[in-house]
Amino acid sequence: MTYARDNWDEFAFGTNNTKFTIPKIEHNIFPKTNQWLQDETTSACTIFWAWNQIIRLFWLDLTMEEANKVWLEIVKYCTQFWYTIGYWWSTPDALNAVCKRWNTIWYNRYNKEKIFYEKLVWWDERIQEAKDKWHLIGFTYNLNRNQDRYKGLVDKDEYKWATWHRCNIKSPNLTRATSWLITKDAKEWVHDNYYIWTNEYYIKDIWKYVYKWVYWNFYIVLPQSCLEWSVEQVKQEIKEIKAVNATIWVLSTTWSDLPEEMQNLASSYANTLRNAYSEARPLQDKDKKVPQWLVDILSYEWKYFDEEDQKKLAELASHLRQKYSVL
């Protein structure tokens, strides 16, 4: 695995509060990529679903061979630096690679805008808005894909373990997910990275899989013109909210060991920050307070260390997020 050492750059607006608009997609061009077309890309599902979003977003009417040729470029490019063929990519690393490659080379090739991406937690209302406006939305899941494609409809309570996989969801109202199955109550349709109806199926209720077999972070790629603020303003907002979260959680985790008068001051200061920043991270589970604090501290302080230590801090943050189900 490659860890996301640059998960905090201008393309990874990880605050869940970036101010942007979501345009409606008016066309009906869907990606025809197939990550199994070349040996070099069989493990690159993360970059394939990001590329699929770009194809859909900008109406790139590419054949499967044309779409795959672009991805072979970036795989070969990344092997010069940090990617090893046959190993899976971290989501932020792959998205950063996609965005940077598009924003330096590909946007000129296709005469389109530069892009950014936003990380959204599943309950963010903008996910539904994006689906309603015909966008693809990237997600990570651990369902049994080979079993699901034959069933056609994902609506089970238990799944056997399978490898992590990245692809997209979209509105089931766009078109039918299979040639033989019709359902009126499905909420999602998975658009996978294998062209012509492989692993394409409905999900009736994705909520019951989040925190179990579906990771809660979802991703959307959009043109930079959708940002209501400049990139520099957004980067400053990210720094500010990271500092706020780190400060609040330090106060919350150390509060009980302070003398009474200091407890009052710490509580008052934490409340002041929460009132001033509506986007400050809420307390969802008291038992997760300490691991959430440490993840927020690592996220904020990461930039002050050299590359070797940044990698170690990113590994620790990733471990804590997975083990304790914190954000």
Protein backbone atom coordinates (compact mmCIF):
# COMPACT_ATOMS: atom_id res chain seq x y z
CA MET A 1 0.00 0.00 0.00
CA THR A 2 1.08 3.56 -0.66
CA TYR A 3 0.08 5.97 2.09
CA ALA A 4 -1.32 9.41 1.37
CA ARG A 5 1.58 11.62 2.35
CA ASP A 6 0.15 14.61 0.46
CA ASN A 7 -3.44 14.24 1.60
CA TRP A 8 -3.50 17.89 2.65
CA ASP A 9 -2.62 19.72 -0.56
CA GLU A 10 -4.87 22.02 -2.57
CA PHE A 11 -6.60 19.14 -4.35
CA ALA A 12 -7.64 17.32 -1.17
CA PHE A 13 -10.11 19.63 0.50
CA GLY A 14 -10.69 17.31 3.42
CA THR A 15 -12.76 19.65 5.60
CA ASN A 16 -16.18 18.53 4.31
CA ASN A 17 -16.95 22.24 4.26
CA THR A 18 -15.40 23.52 1.04
CA LYS A 19 -17.79 25.97 -0.57
CA PHE A 20 -18.63 24.90 -4.12
CA THR A 21 -21.54 24.53 -6.48
CA ILE A 22 -22.50 21.31 -8.27
CA PRO A 23 -23.44 21.76 -11.93
CA LYS A 24 -26.01 19.54 -13.55
CA ILE A 25 -24.71 17.15 -16.19
CA GLU A 26 -26.95 17.43 -19.23
CA HIS A 27 -25.45 14.75 -21.46
CA ASN A 28 -25.51 10.98 -21.17
CA ILE A 29 -21.93 9.93 -21.93
CA PHE A 30 -20.78 7.14 -19.61
CA PRO A 31 -17.20 5.87 -19.23
CA LYS A 32 -16.07 2.76 -21.07
CA THR A 33 -12.85 2.13 -19.15
CA ASN A 34 -11.69 -1.36 -18.30
CA GLN A 35 -8.91 -1.67 -15.75
CA TRP A 36 -8.21 -5.26 -16.86
CA LEU A 37 -7.28 -4.17 -20.38
CA GLN A 38 -3.56 -3.94 -19.50
CA ASP A 39 -1.55 -5.84 -16.93
CA GLU A 40 -0.13 -2.57 -15.59
CA THR A 41 -3.55 -1.25 -14.57
CA THR A 42 -5.25 -4.28 -13.02
CA SER A 43 -4.60 -3.01 -9.48
CA ALA A 44 -5.38 0.63 -10.27
CA CYS A 45 -9.10 0.72 -9.49
CA THR A 46 -8.64 3.95 -7.50
CA ILE A 47 -7.38 5.96 -10.44
CA PHE A 48 -9.89 4.33 -12.79
CA TRP A 49 -12.94 5.54 -10.89
CA ALA A 50 -11.44 9.03 -10.70
CA TRP A 51 -10.85 8.97 -14.46
CA ASN A 52 -14.41 7.73 -14.97
CA GLN A 53 -15.71 10.78 -13.09
CA ILE A 54 -13.71 13.08 -15.37
CA ILE A 55 -15.00 11.33 -18.50
CA ARG A 56 -18.56 11.75 -17.27
CA LEU A 57 -18.00 15.32 -16.07
CA PHE A 58 -16.55 16.69 -19.32
CA TRP A 59 -18.45 14.56 -21.85
CA LEU A 60 -15.35 12.80 -23.18
CA ASP A 61 -16.79 10.36 -25.69
CA LEU A 62 -13.84 7.96 -25.66
CA THR A 63 -13.63 4.36 -26.71
CA MET A 64 -12.46 1.85 -24.12
CA GLU A 65 -9.04 1.71 -25.79
CA GLU A 66 -8.72 5.52 -25.84
CA ALA A 67 -9.74 5.82 -22.19
CA ASN A 68 -7.35 3.09 -21.07
CA LYS A 69 -4.46 4.61 -23.00
CA VAL A 70 -4.66 7.71 -20.81
CA TRP A 71 -4.47 5.62 -17.66
CA LEU A 72 -1.50 3.69 -18.90
CA GLU A 73 0.27 7.06 -19.13
CA ILE A 74 -0.28 7.92 -15.48
CA VAL A 75 0.57 4.44 -14.21
CA LYS A 76 3.91 4.55 -16.01
CA TYR A 77 4.45 8.08 -14.76
CA CYS A 78 3.84 7.17 -11.12
CA THR A 79 6.08 4.10 -11.23
CA GLN A 80 9.00 6.52 -11.63
CA PHE A 81 8.30 7.86 -8.16
CA TRP A 82 6.25 5.83 -5.68
CA TYR A 83 3.82 3.39 -7.30
CA THR A 84 4.61 -0.31 -7.62
CA ILE A 85 2.54 -2.23 -10.19
CA GLY A 86 0.43 -4.89 -8.53
CA TYR A 87 -0.12 -3.02 -5.26
CA TRP A 88 -3.23 -0.98 -4.53
CA TRP A 89 -3.23 2.79 -4.30
CA SER A 90 -4.33 4.92 -1.39
CA THR A 91 -7.35 7.00 -2.41
CA PRO A 92 -5.85 10.46 -1.69
CA ASP A 93 -2.54 9.61 -3.39
CA ALA A 94 -4.34 8.42 -6.49
CA LEU A 95 -6.67 11.42 -6.62
CA ASN A 96 -3.80 13.83 -6.17
CA ALA A 97 -1.98 12.12 -9.03
CA VAL A 98 -5.09 12.32 -11.20
CA CYS A 99 -5.75 15.97 -10.45
CA LYS A 100 -2.17 17.06 -10.93
CA ARG A 101 -1.82 15.15 -14.18
CA TRP A 102 -5.10 16.56 -15.50
CA ASN A 103 -4.28 20.11 -14.37
CA THR A 104 -0.83 20.10 -15.97
CA ILE A 105 -1.26 18.02 -19.16
CA TRP A 106 -4.64 16.52 -19.90
CA TYR A 107 -6.86 19.59 -19.54
CA ASN A 108 -5.00 21.19 -22.46
CA ARG A 109 -5.19 17.99 -24.48
CA TYR A 110 -8.98 17.88 -24.17
CA ASN A 111 -9.49 21.67 -24.05
CA LYS A 112 -11.35 21.52 -20.72
CA GLU A 113 -11.16 23.18 -17.30
CA LYS A 114 -8.83 22.36 -14.46
CA ILE A 115 -10.35 20.30 -11.65
CA PHE A 116 -10.39 19.76 -7.90
CA TYR A 117 -11.88 17.05 -5.75
CA GLU A 118 -13.73 17.06 -2.46
CA LYS A 119 -13.91 14.39 0.21
CA LEU A 120 -17.44 14.05 1.60
CA VAL A 121 -18.64 11.91 4.49
CA TRP A 122 -21.59 9.76 3.53
CA TRP A 123 -24.24 11.77 5.36
CA ASP A 124 -23.26 15.02 3.57
CA GLU A 125 -26.38 16.22 1.71
CA ARG A 126 -24.21 17.21 -1.27
CA ILE A 127 -23.80 13.54 -2.15
CA GLN A 128 -27.51 13.26 -2.87
CA GLU A 129 -27.42 16.58 -4.75
CA ALA A 130 -24.58 15.30 -6.93
CA LYS A 131 -26.47 12.09 -7.68
CA ASP A 132 -29.61 14.06 -8.53
CA LYS A 133 -27.50 16.09 -10.98
CA TRP A 134 -26.20 12.96 -12.74
CA HIS A 135 -22.66 12.88 -11.35
CA LEU A 136 -20.60 9.83 -10.55
CA ILE A 137 -19.38 9.69 -6.93
CA GLY A 138 -16.36 7.66 -5.90
CA PHE A 139 -16.43 5.30 -2.93
CA THR A 140 -14.59 2.35 -1.39
CA TYR A 141 -16.24 -0.91 -0.45
CA ASN A 142 -15.45 -4.43 0.61
CA LEU A 143 -18.42 -6.42 -0.65
CA ASN A 144 -18.19 -9.71 -2.50
CA ARG A 145 -18.17 -8.36 -6.03
CA ASN A 146 -18.09 -11.67 -7.86
CA GLN A 147 -21.17 -12.82 -5.98
CA ASP A 148 -23.01 -9.51 -6.36
CA ARG A 149 -22.79 -9.34 -10.12
CA TYR A 150 -24.79 -12.55 -10.47
CA LYS A 151 -27.41 -11.46 -7.94
CA GLY A 152 -27.83 -8.09 -9.60
CA LEU A 153 -29.26 -6.57 -6.43
CA VAL A 154 -27.25 -5.87 -3.28
CA ASP A 155 -29.59 -6.23 -0.33
CA LYS A 156 -28.03 -8.59 2.19
CA ASP A 157 -27.16 -8.27 5.86
CA GLU A 158 -23.89 -10.17 5.78
CA TYR A 159 -21.06 -10.46 3.27
CA LYS A 160 -18.02 -12.63 3.14
CA TRP A 161 -14.75 -10.73 3.07
CA ALA A 162 -13.42 -9.61 -0.28
CA THR A 163 -10.66 -7.23 -1.31
CA TRP A 164 -11.16 -3.48 -1.03
CA HIS A 165 -12.33 -1.96 -4.28
CA ARG A 166 -12.96 1.58 -5.56
CA CYS A 167 -15.62 2.54 -8.05
CA ASN A 168 -18.53 4.99 -8.40
CA ILE A 169 -22.18 5.21 -7.48
CA LYS A 170 -24.77 7.07 -9.49
CA SER A 171 -28.50 7.60 -9.57
CA PRO A 172 -30.44 4.48 -10.57
CA ASN A 173 -32.80 6.79 -12.47
CA LEU A 174 -30.21 7.34 -15.19
CA THR A 175 -30.57 3.94 -16.80
CA ARG A 176 -30.97 0.30 -15.83
CA ALA A 177 -28.06 -1.34 -14.06
CA THR A 178 -28.63 -4.72 -15.68
CA SER A 179 -30.39 -6.00 -18.75
CA TRP A 180 -32.70 -8.23 -16.74
CA LEU A 181 -33.29 -6.66 -13.32
CA ILE A 182 -35.66 -3.76 -12.65
CA THR A 183 -36.23 -2.29 -9.20
CA LYS A 184 -38.13 0.79 -8.10
CA ASP A 185 -36.77 1.16 -4.56
CA ALA A 186 -32.98 1.04 -5.08
CA LYS A 187 -31.11 4.17 -4.03
CA GLU A 188 -27.75 3.59 -5.72
CA TRP A 189 -26.34 2.01 -8.81
CA VAL A 190 -22.68 1.00 -8.83
CA HIS A 191 -20.78 2.04 -11.95
CA ASP A 192 -17.67 -0.13 -11.92
CA ASN A 193 -14.37 0.09 -13.79
CA TYR A 194 -15.02 -2.86 -16.09
CA TYR A 195 -16.76 -1.96 -19.34
CA ILE A 196 -19.94 -3.74 -20.49
CA TRP A 197 -22.06 -4.69 -17.50
CA THR A 198 -19.49 -6.41 -15.33
CA ASN A 199 -20.03 -5.81 -11.62
CA GLU A 200 -22.83 -3.34 -12.24
CA TYR A 201 -25.69 -3.63 -9.81
CA TYR A 202 -28.14 -1.82 -7.56
CA ILE A 203 -27.72 -1.15 -3.85
CA LYS A 204 -31.04 -0.81 -2.05
CA ASP A 205 -29.77 0.76 1.18
CA ILE A 206 -26.11 1.73 1.35
CA TRP A 207 -26.54 3.07 4.90
CA LYS A 208 -26.50 -0.40 6.45
CA TYR A 209 -23.10 -1.08 4.88
CA VAL A 210 -21.36 2.17 5.89
CA TYR A 211 -18.91 1.48 8.76
CA LYS A 212 -19.08 -2.24 7.89
CA TRP A 213 -18.29 -3.00 4.25
CA VAL A 214 -18.47 0.52 2.82
CA TYR A 215 -16.00 3.24 3.86
CA TRP A 216 -17.72 6.46 4.92
CA ASN A 217 -15.59 8.84 2.80
CA PHE A 218 -16.95 9.53 -0.69
CA TYR A 219 -15.32 11.70 -3.37
CA ILE A 220 -16.49 13.97 -6.14
CA VAL A 221 -14.44 15.58 -8.92
CA LEU A 222 -15.55 19.00 -10.22
CA PRO A 223 -14.22 21.86 -12.38
CA GLN A 224 -12.35 24.57 -10.46
CA SER A 225 -14.91 27.11 -11.69
CA CYS A 226 -17.34 25.50 -9.22
CA LEU A 227 -15.28 26.74 -6.27
CA GLU A 228 -16.89 29.76 -4.65
CA TRP A 229 -13.49 30.72 -3.24
CA SER A 230 -10.07 30.77 -4.86
CA VAL A 231 -7.77 27.82 -4.27
CA GLU A 232 -5.66 29.93 -1.91
CA GLN A 233 -8.72 30.91 0.12
CA VAL A 234 -9.76 27.28 0.37
CA LYS A 235 -6.28 26.25 1.49
CA GLN A 236 -6.41 28.90 4.22
CA GLU A 237 -9.85 27.66 5.31
CA ILE A 238 -8.46 24.13 5.58
CA LYS A 239 -5.58 25.27 7.78
CA GLU A 240 -7.96 27.22 10.00
CA ILE A 241 -10.50 24.45 10.56
CA LYS A 242 -7.73 21.91 11.17
CA ALA A 243 -6.33 24.21 13.85
CA VAL A 244 -9.80 24.63 15.37
CA ASN A 245 -10.45 20.88 15.48
CA ALA A 246 -7.02 20.17 16.97
CA THR A 247 -7.53 22.84 19.64
CA ILE A 248 -11.04 21.73 20.59
CA TRP A 249 -10.03 18.10 20.93
CA VAL A 250 -6.96 18.95 23.02
CA LEU A 251 -9.22 20.89 25.37
CA SER A 252 -11.79 18.09 25.44
CA THR A 253 -9.32 15.31 26.20
CA THR A 254 -7.27 17.17 28.84
CA TRP A 255 -10.19 18.93 30.56
CA SER A 256 -10.84 16.34 33.28
CA ASP A 257 -7.31 16.51 34.71
CA LEU A 258 -7.29 20.28 35.15
CA PRO A 259 -8.22 22.12 38.37
CA GLU A 260 -11.82 23.33 38.49
CA GLU A 261 -11.15 26.93 37.54
CA MET A 262 -9.10 25.81 34.53
CA GLN A 263 -11.79 23.32 33.56
CA ASN A 264 -14.22 26.22 33.31
CA LEU A 265 -11.79 28.19 31.15
CA ALA A 266 -11.10 25.21 28.87
CA SER A 267 -14.81 24.44 28.51
CA SER A 268 -15.62 28.07 27.80
CA TYR A 269 -12.90 28.32 25.16
CA ALA A 270 -14.01 25.08 23.46
CA ASN A 271 -17.62 26.32 23.38
CA THR A 272 -16.49 29.65 21.95
CA LEU A 273 -14.67 27.88 19.11
CA ARG A 274 -17.64 25.61 18.39
CA ASN A 275 -20.00 28.58 18.27
CA ALA A 276 -17.65 30.50 15.97
CA TYR A 277 -17.05 27.56 13.62
CA SER A 278 -20.19 25.66 12.73
CA GLU A 279 -18.06 23.26 10.69
CA ALA A 280 -16.00 22.22 13.74
CA ARG A 281 -16.03 18.47 14.17
CA PRO A 282 -18.92 17.41 16.45
CA LEU A 283 -18.55 14.83 19.20
CA GLN A 284 -20.29 11.69 17.94
CA ASP A 285 -18.94 9.11 20.37
CA LYS A 286 -17.25 9.91 23.70
CA ASP A 287 -15.31 6.64 23.58
CA LYS A 288 -13.64 7.84 20.38
CA LYS A 289 -12.62 11.23 21.75
CA VAL A 290 -8.92 10.43 22.24
CA PRO A 291 -8.27 8.68 18.89
CA GLN A 292 -10.17 11.47 17.11
CA TRP A 293 -8.00 14.04 18.89
CA LEU A 294 -4.81 12.27 17.85
CA VAL A 295 -5.90 11.99 14.22
CA ASP A 296 -6.76 15.71 14.13
CA ILE A 297 -3.42 16.61 15.72
CA LEU A 298 -1.53 14.46 13.21
CA SER A 299 -3.47 16.04 10.36
CA TYR A 300 -2.62 19.53 11.57
CA GLU A 301 1.01 19.05 12.65
CA TRP A 302 1.98 16.83 9.70
CA LYS A 303 3.30 19.72 7.62
CA TYR A 304 6.03 20.59 10.12
CA PHE A 305 7.95 17.32 9.63
CA ASP A 306 10.29 16.03 6.95
CA GLU A 307 9.22 13.47 4.34
CA GLU A 308 10.34 10.43 6.34
CA ASP A 309 8.37 11.45 9.42
CA GLN A 310 5.41 12.59 7.33
CA LYS A 311 5.11 9.04 6.03
CA LYS A 312 5.14 7.62 9.57
CA LEU A 313 2.54 10.12 10.77
CA ALA A 314 0.31 9.35 7.77
CA GLU A 315 0.59 5.63 8.52
CA LEU A 316 -0.40 6.19 12.15
CA ALA A 317 -3.35 8.41 11.19
CA SER A 318 -4.54 5.84 8.65
CA HIS A 319 -4.24 3.06 11.24
CA LEU A 320 -6.25 5.03 13.82
CA ARG A 321 -8.99 5.93 11.36
CA GLN A 322 -9.41 2.31 10.34
CA LYS A 323 -9.19 0.79 13.84
CA TYR A 324 -11.41 3.28 15.70
CA SER A 325 -13.70 4.39 12.85
CA VAL A 326 -12.88 8.07 13.33
CA LEU A 327 -12.78 10.78 10.67
